[in-house]
């Protein structure tokens, strides 16, 4: 760059009046807006974006289940329904979302998928996991973001747990900001945010 500027000054008569627009810097201004390659799914809330890497190889059924819901617009209301709400903040453990609309009505869910928690990734800080059914242990659409290590949620033989299907690769500050929100009791929920936190957008990038 320094060489180009000096050359331009010489060709311009060294009068220092060379128009800056005549100097080609070859700067690509679009790169700043591109997301890193490991941003597979990006969830947008009023507090910011959370990017996650989906664990397709480790838990294929759970990963495909999440991709199906996300790609269909289930979580953000792009499927014609209502966007989903963060409806439970369990300080300092995790927050929960996925199956309740902004009016607190429970959303219809698809066919449950089998639990893959036994031998799967652990529920550590920065992971995303499906919530098991209390009766069958299967998963539908509800999930949690682990704000700390919650290994007690891991599955054991004969005792299915929360199947981790993703890792936060960017936006843990947003997870922490959600965890810091004030909660109240409303609509049958004991720890719902006082000010709604809605999943405004879910982008499946790859």
N, C-alpha and C. Protein backbone atom coordinates (compact mmCIF):
# COMPACT_ATOMS: atom_id res chain seq x y z
N UNK A 1 0.84 -1.20 0.00
CA UNK A 1 0.00 0.00 0.00
C UNK A 1 0.87 1.25 0.00
N UNK A 2 1.94 1.29 0.83
CA UNK A 2 2.80 2.46 0.91
C UNK A 2 3.47 2.71 -0.43
N UNK A 3 3.87 1.60 -1.13
CA UNK A 3 4.52 1.72 -2.42
C UNK A 3 3.57 2.30 -3.44
N UNK A 4 2.29 1.86 -3.40
CA UNK A 4 1.32 2.38 -4.35
C UNK A 4 1.10 3.87 -4.16
N UNK A 5 1.02 4.32 -2.91
CA UNK A 5 0.81 5.74 -2.65
C UNK A 5 1.98 6.55 -3.14
N UNK A 6 3.23 6.11 -2.85
CA UNK A 6 4.41 6.84 -3.30
C UNK A 6 4.46 6.90 -4.82
N UNK A 7 4.14 5.79 -5.50
CA UNK A 7 4.16 5.76 -6.95
C UNK A 7 3.14 6.72 -7.52
N UNK A 8 1.97 6.78 -6.89
CA UNK A 8 0.93 7.69 -7.37
C UNK A 8 1.37 9.13 -7.24
N UNK A 9 2.08 9.44 -6.15
CA UNK A 9 2.55 10.80 -5.96
C UNK A 9 3.59 11.17 -7.01
N UNK A 10 4.45 10.21 -7.34
CA UNK A 10 5.47 10.48 -8.35
C UNK A 10 4.83 10.71 -9.70
N UNK A 11 3.88 9.84 -10.08
CA UNK A 11 3.23 9.98 -11.38
C UNK A 11 2.39 11.25 -11.45
N UNK A 12 1.94 11.70 -10.30
CA UNK A 12 1.12 12.90 -10.27
C UNK A 12 1.95 14.16 -10.16
N UNK A 13 3.25 14.07 -10.25
CA UNK A 13 4.08 15.27 -10.18
C UNK A 13 4.52 15.60 -8.80
N UNK A 14 4.32 14.66 -7.83
CA UNK A 14 4.76 14.87 -6.45
C UNK A 14 4.18 16.12 -5.84
N UNK A 15 2.97 16.53 -6.31
CA UNK A 15 2.39 17.76 -5.76
C UNK A 15 1.46 17.48 -4.60
N UNK A 16 1.29 16.16 -4.28
CA UNK A 16 0.47 15.81 -3.10
C UNK A 16 -1.00 15.98 -3.35
N UNK A 17 -1.42 16.29 -4.60
CA UNK A 17 -2.82 16.54 -4.87
C UNK A 17 -3.50 15.39 -5.60
N UNK A 18 -2.86 14.21 -5.59
CA UNK A 18 -3.45 13.06 -6.27
C UNK A 18 -4.79 12.69 -5.64
N UNK A 19 -5.80 12.51 -6.47
CA UNK A 19 -7.12 12.13 -6.01
C UNK A 19 -7.08 10.72 -5.43
N UNK A 20 -7.54 10.56 -4.19
CA UNK A 20 -7.47 9.27 -3.52
C UNK A 20 -8.28 8.21 -4.25
N UNK A 21 -9.26 8.67 -5.05
CA UNK A 21 -10.08 7.70 -5.76
C UNK A 21 -9.33 7.05 -6.89
N UNK A 22 -8.19 7.62 -7.27
CA UNK A 22 -7.39 7.04 -8.35
C UNK A 22 -6.50 5.91 -7.86
N UNK A 23 -6.43 5.71 -6.54
CA UNK A 23 -5.56 4.69 -5.97
C UNK A 23 -6.39 3.48 -5.62
N UNK A 24 -6.11 2.34 -6.24
CA UNK A 24 -6.86 1.11 -6.03
C UNK A 24 -6.26 0.36 -4.85
N UNK A 25 -7.01 0.29 -3.77
CA UNK A 25 -6.50 -0.39 -2.57
C UNK A 25 -6.87 -1.86 -2.55
N UNK A 26 -7.75 -2.30 -3.49
CA UNK A 26 -8.18 -3.70 -3.55
C UNK A 26 -8.78 -4.17 -2.21
N UNK A 27 -9.40 -3.26 -1.49
CA UNK A 27 -10.01 -3.62 -0.21
C UNK A 27 -11.39 -4.21 -0.43
N UNK A 28 -11.66 -5.39 0.14
CA UNK A 28 -12.96 -6.03 0.04
C UNK A 28 -13.78 -5.66 1.26
N UNK A 29 -14.71 -4.74 1.09
CA UNK A 29 -15.47 -4.22 2.22
C UNK A 29 -16.55 -5.18 2.68
N UNK A 30 -16.80 -6.25 1.89
CA UNK A 30 -17.88 -7.15 2.26
C UNK A 30 -17.46 -8.21 3.28
N UNK A 31 -16.16 -8.39 3.47
CA UNK A 31 -15.71 -9.48 4.33
C UNK A 31 -16.10 -9.29 5.78
N UNK A 32 -16.27 -8.04 6.21
CA UNK A 32 -16.60 -7.80 7.60
C UNK A 32 -17.99 -8.32 7.96
N UNK A 33 -18.87 -8.46 6.94
CA UNK A 33 -20.23 -8.88 7.22
C UNK A 33 -20.40 -10.39 7.07
N UNK A 34 -19.38 -11.08 6.59
CA UNK A 34 -19.48 -12.52 6.43
C UNK A 34 -19.27 -13.22 7.77
N UNK A 35 -20.08 -14.25 8.02
CA UNK A 35 -19.93 -14.99 9.26
C UNK A 35 -18.88 -16.08 9.10
N UNK A 36 -18.21 -16.43 10.19
CA UNK A 36 -17.24 -17.52 10.12
C UNK A 36 -17.89 -18.82 9.66
N UNK A 37 -17.07 -19.71 9.09
CA UNK A 37 -17.60 -20.94 8.51
C UNK A 37 -18.26 -21.85 9.54
N UNK A 38 -17.86 -21.74 10.81
CA UNK A 38 -18.46 -22.64 11.80
C UNK A 38 -19.80 -22.14 12.33
N UNK A 39 -20.31 -21.04 11.79
CA UNK A 39 -21.64 -20.58 12.15
C UNK A 39 -22.66 -21.35 11.31
N UNK A 40 -23.14 -22.48 11.83
CA UNK A 40 -24.08 -23.30 11.07
C UNK A 40 -25.51 -22.80 11.22
N UNK A 41 -25.89 -22.44 12.45
CA UNK A 41 -27.23 -21.91 12.71
C UNK A 41 -27.08 -20.67 13.59
N UNK A 42 -27.78 -19.60 13.23
CA UNK A 42 -27.73 -18.36 14.00
C UNK A 42 -29.13 -18.03 14.49
N UNK A 43 -29.26 -17.88 15.81
CA UNK A 43 -30.53 -17.54 16.45
C UNK A 43 -30.47 -16.09 16.90
N UNK A 44 -31.46 -15.32 16.48
CA UNK A 44 -31.49 -13.89 16.81
C UNK A 44 -32.58 -13.60 17.83
N UNK A 45 -32.20 -12.88 18.89
CA UNK A 45 -33.14 -12.41 19.91
C UNK A 45 -32.95 -10.91 20.09
N UNK A 46 -33.77 -10.30 20.92
CA UNK A 46 -33.62 -8.86 21.15
C UNK A 46 -32.32 -8.52 21.86
N UNK A 47 -31.68 -9.51 22.45
CA UNK A 47 -30.43 -9.28 23.16
C UNK A 47 -29.21 -9.60 22.30
N UNK A 48 -29.44 -10.07 21.06
CA UNK A 48 -28.32 -10.34 20.17
C UNK A 48 -28.41 -11.71 19.53
N UNK A 49 -27.33 -12.08 18.83
CA UNK A 49 -27.29 -13.34 18.10
C UNK A 49 -26.49 -14.40 18.84
N UNK A 50 -26.95 -15.65 18.69
CA UNK A 50 -26.23 -16.82 19.20
C UNK A 50 -25.99 -17.75 18.03
N UNK A 51 -24.73 -18.04 17.75
CA UNK A 51 -24.39 -18.96 16.66
C UNK A 51 -24.00 -20.30 17.24
N UNK A 52 -24.51 -21.36 16.63
CA UNK A 52 -24.21 -22.70 17.14
C UNK A 52 -23.71 -23.60 16.02
N UNK A 53 -22.87 -24.54 16.40
CA UNK A 53 -22.40 -25.61 15.54
C UNK A 53 -23.21 -26.85 15.88
N UNK A 54 -23.88 -27.43 14.90
CA UNK A 54 -24.75 -28.58 15.12
C UNK A 54 -23.93 -29.87 15.03
N UNK A 55 -24.12 -30.75 15.99
CA UNK A 55 -23.31 -31.96 16.10
C UNK A 55 -23.92 -33.12 15.31
N UNK A 56 -23.85 -32.99 14.00
CA UNK A 56 -24.48 -33.97 13.11
C UNK A 56 -23.88 -35.36 13.26
N UNK A 57 -22.58 -35.45 13.43
CA UNK A 57 -21.93 -36.75 13.50
C UNK A 57 -22.14 -37.43 14.85
N UNK A 58 -22.12 -36.64 15.93
CA UNK A 58 -22.21 -37.21 17.27
C UNK A 58 -23.62 -37.69 17.62
N UNK A 59 -24.63 -36.89 17.26
CA UNK A 59 -26.03 -37.23 17.58
C UNK A 59 -26.89 -36.98 16.34
N UNK A 60 -26.83 -37.84 15.35
CA UNK A 60 -27.48 -37.57 14.06
C UNK A 60 -28.98 -37.37 14.13
N UNK A 61 -29.67 -38.12 14.97
CA UNK A 61 -31.13 -37.98 15.04
C UNK A 61 -31.52 -36.64 15.67
N UNK A 62 -30.87 -36.28 16.76
CA UNK A 62 -31.17 -35.01 17.41
C UNK A 62 -30.79 -33.83 16.51
N UNK A 63 -29.65 -33.94 15.84
CA UNK A 63 -29.21 -32.86 14.94
C UNK A 63 -30.19 -32.67 13.80
N UNK A 64 -30.62 -33.77 13.20
CA UNK A 64 -31.57 -33.69 12.09
C UNK A 64 -32.91 -33.13 12.57
N UNK A 65 -33.30 -33.49 13.79
CA UNK A 65 -34.54 -32.99 14.37
C UNK A 65 -34.50 -31.47 14.52
N UNK A 66 -33.39 -30.96 15.06
CA UNK A 66 -33.26 -29.50 15.22
C UNK A 66 -33.22 -28.81 13.87
N UNK A 67 -32.47 -29.35 12.95
CA UNK A 67 -32.39 -28.74 11.61
C UNK A 67 -33.76 -28.70 10.94
N UNK A 68 -34.57 -29.73 11.16
CA UNK A 68 -35.91 -29.78 10.57
C UNK A 68 -36.78 -28.65 11.13
N UNK A 69 -36.83 -28.55 12.46
CA UNK A 69 -37.63 -27.48 13.08
C UNK A 69 -37.12 -26.09 12.66
N UNK A 70 -35.81 -25.91 12.71
CA UNK A 70 -35.23 -24.60 12.39
C UNK A 70 -35.46 -24.25 10.92
N UNK A 71 -35.21 -25.21 10.04
CA UNK A 71 -35.38 -24.96 8.60
C UNK A 71 -36.81 -24.71 8.19
N UNK A 72 -37.76 -25.31 8.93
CA UNK A 72 -39.18 -25.12 8.62
C UNK A 72 -39.74 -23.81 9.15
N UNK A 73 -38.94 -23.07 9.91
CA UNK A 73 -39.42 -21.81 10.47
C UNK A 73 -40.24 -21.97 11.73
N UNK A 74 -40.15 -23.15 12.35
CA UNK A 74 -40.96 -23.43 13.54
C UNK A 74 -40.64 -22.49 14.69
N UNK A 75 -39.36 -22.25 14.93
CA UNK A 75 -38.97 -21.49 16.11
C UNK A 75 -39.22 -19.99 15.98
N UNK A 76 -39.06 -19.45 14.78
CA UNK A 76 -39.20 -18.00 14.63
C UNK A 76 -40.53 -17.57 14.02
N UNK A 77 -41.42 -18.52 13.81
CA UNK A 77 -42.73 -18.17 13.28
C UNK A 77 -42.76 -17.98 11.78
N UNK A 78 -41.66 -18.30 11.08
CA UNK A 78 -41.64 -18.16 9.63
C UNK A 78 -42.54 -19.17 8.94
N UNK A 79 -43.01 -20.16 9.70
CA UNK A 79 -43.91 -21.17 9.14
C UNK A 79 -45.36 -20.69 9.17
N UNK A 80 -45.58 -19.44 9.55
CA UNK A 80 -46.93 -18.89 9.61
C UNK A 80 -47.50 -18.87 11.01
N UNK A 81 -46.81 -19.48 11.96
CA UNK A 81 -47.27 -19.47 13.35
C UNK A 81 -46.64 -18.33 14.13
N UNK A 82 -46.71 -18.43 15.43
CA UNK A 82 -46.10 -17.42 16.29
C UNK A 82 -44.66 -17.81 16.62
N UNK A 83 -43.83 -16.81 16.83
CA UNK A 83 -42.45 -17.05 17.26
C UNK A 83 -42.45 -17.64 18.67
N UNK A 84 -41.38 -18.35 19.00
CA UNK A 84 -41.31 -18.98 20.31
C UNK A 84 -40.61 -18.08 21.33
N UNK A 85 -40.89 -18.38 22.57
CA UNK A 85 -40.51 -17.55 23.70
C UNK A 85 -39.51 -18.28 24.58
N UNK A 86 -38.55 -17.54 25.12
CA UNK A 86 -37.76 -18.07 26.23
C UNK A 86 -38.68 -18.02 27.44
N UNK A 87 -39.07 -19.18 27.93
CA UNK A 87 -40.13 -19.21 28.95
C UNK A 87 -39.66 -19.65 30.33
N UNK A 88 -38.38 -20.00 30.45
CA UNK A 88 -37.90 -20.49 31.75
C UNK A 88 -36.41 -20.20 31.89
N UNK A 89 -36.05 -19.41 32.89
CA UNK A 89 -34.64 -19.13 33.19
C UNK A 89 -34.33 -19.69 34.56
N UNK A 90 -33.53 -20.73 34.59
CA UNK A 90 -33.15 -21.37 35.84
C UNK A 90 -31.73 -20.93 36.20
N UNK A 91 -31.66 -19.85 37.01
CA UNK A 91 -30.38 -19.29 37.40
C UNK A 91 -29.72 -20.20 38.43
N UNK A 92 -28.43 -20.54 38.29
CA UNK A 92 -27.49 -20.14 37.23
C UNK A 92 -27.30 -21.24 36.19
N UNK A 93 -28.30 -22.10 36.02
CA UNK A 93 -28.11 -23.34 35.28
C UNK A 93 -28.27 -23.19 33.77
N UNK A 94 -29.46 -22.79 33.33
CA UNK A 94 -29.77 -22.79 31.89
C UNK A 94 -31.01 -21.95 31.65
N UNK A 95 -31.28 -21.69 30.36
CA UNK A 95 -32.60 -21.16 30.00
C UNK A 95 -33.23 -22.08 28.98
N UNK A 96 -34.55 -22.04 28.94
CA UNK A 96 -35.34 -23.01 28.18
C UNK A 96 -36.23 -22.29 27.17
N UNK A 97 -36.36 -22.89 25.99
CA UNK A 97 -37.19 -22.30 24.94
C UNK A 97 -37.62 -23.40 23.98
N UNK A 98 -38.44 -23.01 23.00
CA UNK A 98 -38.72 -23.92 21.90
C UNK A 98 -40.15 -24.31 21.67
N UNK A 99 -40.99 -24.38 22.71
CA UNK A 99 -42.33 -24.95 22.51
C UNK A 99 -43.48 -24.05 22.95
N UNK A 100 -43.18 -22.84 23.41
CA UNK A 100 -44.27 -21.94 23.81
C UNK A 100 -44.23 -20.67 22.99
N UNK A 101 -45.42 -20.26 22.54
CA UNK A 101 -45.56 -19.05 21.74
C UNK A 101 -45.52 -17.82 22.63
N UNK A 102 -45.51 -16.66 21.99
CA UNK A 102 -45.46 -15.41 22.73
C UNK A 102 -46.71 -15.18 23.57
N UNK A 103 -47.81 -15.83 23.23
CA UNK A 103 -49.03 -15.71 24.05
C UNK A 103 -49.10 -16.83 25.09
N UNK A 104 -47.98 -17.59 25.25
CA UNK A 104 -47.83 -18.68 26.21
C UNK A 104 -48.63 -19.93 25.86
N UNK A 105 -49.19 -19.95 24.66
CA UNK A 105 -49.82 -21.19 24.20
C UNK A 105 -48.74 -22.18 23.78
N UNK A 106 -48.97 -23.46 24.05
CA UNK A 106 -48.00 -24.49 23.67
C UNK A 106 -48.12 -24.80 22.19
N UNK A 107 -46.99 -24.83 21.51
CA UNK A 107 -46.99 -25.08 20.06
C UNK A 107 -47.14 -26.57 19.78
N UNK A 108 -47.76 -26.88 18.66
CA UNK A 108 -47.83 -28.26 18.21
C UNK A 108 -46.43 -28.72 17.80
N UNK A 109 -46.12 -29.96 18.08
CA UNK A 109 -44.79 -30.49 17.76
C UNK A 109 -44.92 -31.66 16.80
N UNK A 110 -43.78 -32.00 16.20
CA UNK A 110 -43.75 -33.11 15.27
C UNK A 110 -43.55 -34.45 15.97
N UNK A 111 -43.23 -35.46 15.18
CA UNK A 111 -43.00 -36.80 15.72
C UNK A 111 -41.77 -36.81 16.60
N UNK A 112 -41.86 -37.35 17.81
CA UNK A 112 -40.69 -37.40 18.71
C UNK A 112 -39.56 -38.23 18.11
N UNK A 113 -38.34 -37.88 18.49
CA UNK A 113 -37.16 -38.66 18.08
C UNK A 113 -36.55 -39.31 19.32
N UNK A 114 -35.86 -40.40 19.10
CA UNK A 114 -35.30 -41.14 20.22
C UNK A 114 -34.15 -40.38 20.88
N UNK A 115 -33.95 -40.68 22.14
CA UNK A 115 -32.95 -40.01 22.97
C UNK A 115 -31.55 -40.55 22.65
N UNK A 116 -30.59 -39.65 22.50
CA UNK A 116 -29.20 -40.03 22.21
C UNK A 116 -28.24 -39.53 23.29
N UNK A 117 -28.74 -39.31 24.48
CA UNK A 117 -27.91 -38.70 25.51
C UNK A 117 -26.89 -39.65 26.11
N UNK A 118 -27.21 -40.94 26.17
CA UNK A 118 -26.29 -41.91 26.78
C UNK A 118 -25.07 -42.08 25.88
N UNK A 119 -23.91 -41.73 26.40
CA UNK A 119 -22.69 -41.80 25.62
C UNK A 119 -22.48 -40.63 24.69
N UNK A 120 -23.41 -39.67 24.69
CA UNK A 120 -23.30 -38.51 23.83
C UNK A 120 -22.53 -37.39 24.50
N UNK A 121 -22.46 -36.22 23.85
CA UNK A 121 -21.76 -35.07 24.43
C UNK A 121 -22.35 -34.68 25.79
N UNK A 122 -21.52 -34.13 26.64
CA UNK A 122 -21.94 -33.76 27.99
C UNK A 122 -22.57 -32.37 28.02
N UNK A 123 -23.45 -32.17 28.99
CA UNK A 123 -24.12 -30.88 29.18
C UNK A 123 -23.20 -29.91 29.92
N UNK A 124 -22.25 -29.36 29.19
CA UNK A 124 -21.31 -28.40 29.75
C UNK A 124 -21.70 -26.99 29.30
N UNK A 125 -21.08 -26.01 29.90
CA UNK A 125 -21.37 -24.62 29.56
C UNK A 125 -21.19 -24.40 28.06
N UNK A 126 -22.17 -23.73 27.45
CA UNK A 126 -22.08 -23.41 26.04
C UNK A 126 -22.64 -24.47 25.12
N UNK A 127 -23.29 -25.49 25.68
CA UNK A 127 -23.93 -26.50 24.84
C UNK A 127 -25.44 -26.26 24.79
N UNK A 128 -26.06 -26.84 23.74
CA UNK A 128 -27.50 -26.74 23.55
C UNK A 128 -28.05 -28.16 23.54
N UNK A 129 -29.12 -28.40 24.28
CA UNK A 129 -29.60 -29.78 24.44
C UNK A 129 -31.12 -29.85 24.38
N UNK A 130 -31.63 -30.95 23.82
CA UNK A 130 -33.06 -31.20 23.81
C UNK A 130 -33.52 -31.70 25.18
N UNK A 131 -34.73 -31.29 25.54
CA UNK A 131 -35.34 -31.69 26.80
C UNK A 131 -36.07 -33.01 26.60
N UNK A 132 -35.82 -34.01 27.44
CA UNK A 132 -36.49 -35.30 27.27
C UNK A 132 -37.91 -35.29 27.82
N UNK A 133 -38.76 -36.07 27.18
CA UNK A 133 -40.10 -36.28 27.72
C UNK A 133 -39.98 -36.99 29.06
N UNK A 134 -40.81 -36.59 30.01
CA UNK A 134 -40.77 -37.21 31.33
C UNK A 134 -41.29 -38.65 31.30
N UNK A 135 -42.06 -38.98 30.28
CA UNK A 135 -42.63 -40.33 30.21
C UNK A 135 -41.83 -41.28 29.32
N UNK A 136 -41.38 -40.78 28.16
CA UNK A 136 -40.70 -41.67 27.20
C UNK A 136 -39.21 -41.37 27.06
N UNK A 137 -38.78 -40.19 27.47
CA UNK A 137 -37.39 -39.80 27.28
C UNK A 137 -37.09 -39.29 25.89
N UNK A 138 -38.10 -39.30 25.00
CA UNK A 138 -37.89 -38.84 23.63
C UNK A 138 -37.86 -37.31 23.58
N UNK A 139 -37.46 -36.80 22.40
CA UNK A 139 -37.35 -35.35 22.22
C UNK A 139 -38.30 -34.85 21.14
N UNK A 140 -38.77 -33.61 21.35
CA UNK A 140 -39.51 -32.93 20.28
C UNK A 140 -38.78 -31.63 19.95
N UNK A 141 -39.34 -30.49 20.34
CA UNK A 141 -38.76 -29.21 19.92
C UNK A 141 -38.12 -28.41 21.05
N UNK A 142 -38.43 -28.75 22.31
CA UNK A 142 -37.93 -27.96 23.43
C UNK A 142 -36.45 -28.17 23.69
N UNK A 143 -35.75 -27.09 23.99
CA UNK A 143 -34.31 -27.18 24.22
C UNK A 143 -33.86 -26.23 25.33
N UNK A 144 -32.63 -26.44 25.79
CA UNK A 144 -32.02 -25.54 26.76
C UNK A 144 -30.66 -25.09 26.26
N UNK A 145 -30.25 -23.92 26.71
CA UNK A 145 -28.87 -23.46 26.57
C UNK A 145 -28.22 -23.56 27.94
N UNK A 146 -27.18 -24.37 28.03
CA UNK A 146 -26.48 -24.54 29.31
C UNK A 146 -25.58 -23.34 29.59
N UNK A 147 -25.84 -22.66 30.70
CA UNK A 147 -25.05 -21.49 31.07
C UNK A 147 -23.89 -21.85 31.99
N UNK A 148 -23.88 -23.09 32.48
CA UNK A 148 -22.77 -23.61 33.28
C UNK A 148 -22.69 -25.12 33.04
N UNK A 149 -21.72 -25.77 33.62
CA UNK A 149 -21.63 -27.22 33.50
C UNK A 149 -22.78 -27.86 34.27
N UNK A 150 -23.64 -28.58 33.53
CA UNK A 150 -24.80 -29.25 34.13
C UNK A 150 -24.74 -30.74 33.81
N UNK A 151 -23.64 -31.37 34.19
CA UNK A 151 -23.44 -32.77 33.81
C UNK A 151 -24.44 -33.72 34.46
N UNK A 152 -25.14 -33.25 35.48
CA UNK A 152 -26.18 -34.09 36.09
C UNK A 152 -27.32 -34.35 35.10
N UNK A 153 -27.38 -33.56 34.00
CA UNK A 153 -28.40 -33.75 32.98
C UNK A 153 -28.01 -34.80 31.95
N UNK A 154 -26.77 -35.27 32.00
CA UNK A 154 -26.31 -36.27 31.03
C UNK A 154 -27.07 -37.58 31.22
N UNK A 155 -27.25 -38.30 30.12
CA UNK A 155 -27.95 -39.57 30.18
C UNK A 155 -27.09 -40.69 30.73
N UNK A 156 -27.75 -41.63 31.37
CA UNK A 156 -27.09 -42.84 31.89
C UNK A 156 -27.91 -44.05 31.44
N UNK A 157 -27.31 -45.19 31.43
CA UNK A 157 -28.03 -46.41 31.04
C UNK A 157 -29.29 -46.57 31.89
N UNK A 158 -30.42 -46.66 31.23
CA UNK A 158 -31.69 -46.79 31.92
C UNK A 158 -32.26 -45.49 32.43
N UNK A 159 -31.54 -44.38 32.21
CA UNK A 159 -31.97 -43.07 32.70
C UNK A 159 -31.61 -42.01 31.67
N UNK A 160 -32.42 -41.89 30.60
CA UNK A 160 -32.10 -40.93 29.53
C UNK A 160 -32.09 -39.49 30.03
N UNK A 161 -31.16 -38.71 29.49
CA UNK A 161 -31.02 -37.32 29.91
C UNK A 161 -31.29 -36.35 28.78
N UNK A 162 -30.64 -35.22 28.86
CA UNK A 162 -30.80 -34.15 27.87
C UNK A 162 -29.76 -34.37 26.77
N UNK A 163 -30.20 -34.57 25.54
CA UNK A 163 -29.28 -34.84 24.43
C UNK A 163 -28.68 -33.54 23.91
N UNK A 164 -27.38 -33.39 24.07
CA UNK A 164 -26.67 -32.22 23.54
C UNK A 164 -26.54 -32.37 22.03
N UNK A 165 -27.02 -31.38 21.29
CA UNK A 165 -26.96 -31.44 19.83
C UNK A 165 -26.19 -30.28 19.21
N UNK A 166 -25.70 -29.35 20.04
CA UNK A 166 -24.99 -28.20 19.49
C UNK A 166 -24.08 -27.53 20.49
N UNK A 167 -23.11 -26.79 19.95
CA UNK A 167 -22.19 -25.99 20.75
C UNK A 167 -22.29 -24.53 20.34
N UNK A 168 -22.30 -23.63 21.30
CA UNK A 168 -22.27 -22.21 20.99
C UNK A 168 -20.86 -21.85 20.53
N UNK A 169 -20.75 -21.30 19.32
CA UNK A 169 -19.46 -20.89 18.80
C UNK A 169 -19.29 -19.38 18.81
N UNK A 170 -20.38 -18.67 19.02
CA UNK A 170 -20.33 -17.21 19.14
C UNK A 170 -21.63 -16.77 19.82
N UNK A 171 -21.52 -15.83 20.75
CA UNK A 171 -22.71 -15.32 21.40
C UNK A 171 -22.95 -15.80 22.82
N UNK A 172 -21.90 -16.33 23.48
CA UNK A 172 -22.11 -16.71 24.88
C UNK A 172 -22.41 -15.48 25.74
N UNK A 173 -21.99 -14.31 25.30
CA UNK A 173 -22.35 -13.09 26.02
C UNK A 173 -23.85 -12.86 25.96
N UNK A 174 -24.48 -13.29 24.86
CA UNK A 174 -25.94 -13.17 24.75
C UNK A 174 -26.62 -14.19 25.66
N UNK A 175 -26.08 -15.39 25.71
CA UNK A 175 -26.60 -16.40 26.64
C UNK A 175 -26.54 -15.87 28.06
N UNK A 176 -25.40 -15.29 28.43
CA UNK A 176 -25.24 -14.75 29.78
C UNK A 176 -26.19 -13.57 30.03
N UNK A 177 -26.42 -12.77 28.99
CA UNK A 177 -27.34 -11.63 29.14
C UNK A 177 -28.77 -12.12 29.37
N UNK A 178 -29.16 -13.18 28.67
CA UNK A 178 -30.49 -13.75 28.90
C UNK A 178 -30.61 -14.30 30.32
N UNK A 179 -29.55 -14.97 30.77
CA UNK A 179 -29.55 -15.50 32.13
C UNK A 179 -29.66 -14.40 33.18
N UNK A 180 -29.23 -13.20 32.84
CA UNK A 180 -29.24 -12.08 33.80
C UNK A 180 -30.57 -11.33 33.82
N UNK A 181 -31.50 -11.71 32.95
CA UNK A 181 -32.79 -11.03 32.90
C UNK A 181 -33.61 -11.31 34.17
N UNK A 182 -34.36 -10.32 34.57
CA UNK A 182 -35.25 -10.49 35.72
C UNK A 182 -36.41 -11.40 35.34
N UNK A 183 -36.84 -12.25 36.27
CA UNK A 183 -37.92 -13.18 36.00
C UNK A 183 -39.10 -12.92 36.92
N UNK A 184 -40.22 -13.51 36.56
CA UNK A 184 -41.44 -13.37 37.34
C UNK A 184 -42.28 -14.63 37.17
N UNK A 185 -43.38 -14.71 37.90
CA UNK A 185 -44.34 -15.79 37.74
C UNK A 185 -45.50 -15.28 36.89
N UNK A 186 -45.78 -16.05 35.82
CA UNK A 186 -46.85 -15.61 34.91
C UNK A 186 -47.30 -16.81 34.07
N UNK A 187 -48.63 -16.93 33.93
CA UNK A 187 -49.17 -17.94 33.04
C UNK A 187 -48.80 -19.36 33.40
N UNK A 188 -48.58 -19.62 34.68
CA UNK A 188 -48.22 -20.96 35.11
C UNK A 188 -46.72 -21.23 35.09
N UNK A 189 -45.94 -20.21 34.71
CA UNK A 189 -44.47 -20.35 34.70
C UNK A 189 -43.89 -19.60 35.90
N UNK A 190 -42.94 -20.22 36.55
CA UNK A 190 -42.38 -19.65 37.77
C UNK A 190 -41.17 -18.74 37.54
N UNK A 191 -40.52 -18.89 36.39
CA UNK A 191 -39.29 -18.12 36.14
C UNK A 191 -39.23 -17.65 34.70
N UNK A 192 -40.30 -16.98 34.28
CA UNK A 192 -40.37 -16.45 32.92
C UNK A 192 -39.80 -15.02 32.92
N UNK A 193 -39.09 -14.61 31.88
CA UNK A 193 -38.55 -13.24 31.87
C UNK A 193 -39.65 -12.20 32.00
N UNK A 194 -39.38 -11.17 32.79
CA UNK A 194 -40.36 -10.09 32.95
C UNK A 194 -40.65 -9.41 31.61
N UNK A 195 -39.60 -9.20 30.82
CA UNK A 195 -39.74 -8.66 29.47
C UNK A 195 -39.49 -9.79 28.48
N UNK A 196 -40.43 -10.00 27.58
CA UNK A 196 -40.35 -11.14 26.67
C UNK A 196 -39.02 -11.20 25.92
N UNK A 197 -38.48 -12.40 25.84
CA UNK A 197 -37.32 -12.69 24.99
C UNK A 197 -37.81 -13.68 23.95
N UNK A 198 -37.90 -13.22 22.71
CA UNK A 198 -38.49 -13.99 21.63
C UNK A 198 -37.41 -14.39 20.65
N UNK A 199 -37.56 -15.58 20.09
CA UNK A 199 -36.68 -15.99 18.98
C UNK A 199 -37.20 -15.30 17.72
N UNK A 200 -36.52 -14.22 17.35
CA UNK A 200 -36.99 -13.40 16.21
C UNK A 200 -36.65 -14.03 14.88
N UNK A 201 -35.52 -14.75 14.82
CA UNK A 201 -35.06 -15.28 13.54
C UNK A 201 -34.15 -16.46 13.77
N UNK A 202 -34.25 -17.49 12.94
CA UNK A 202 -33.32 -18.61 12.97
C UNK A 202 -32.83 -18.81 11.53
N UNK A 203 -31.53 -18.67 11.34
CA UNK A 203 -30.93 -18.86 10.02
C UNK A 203 -30.11 -20.15 10.00
N UNK A 204 -30.47 -21.06 9.11
CA UNK A 204 -29.69 -22.26 8.90
C UNK A 204 -28.73 -21.97 7.74
N UNK A 205 -27.46 -21.78 8.07
CA UNK A 205 -26.48 -21.34 7.08
C UNK A 205 -25.86 -22.49 6.33
N UNK A 206 -25.71 -23.63 6.99
CA UNK A 206 -25.15 -24.79 6.30
C UNK A 206 -25.45 -26.06 7.12
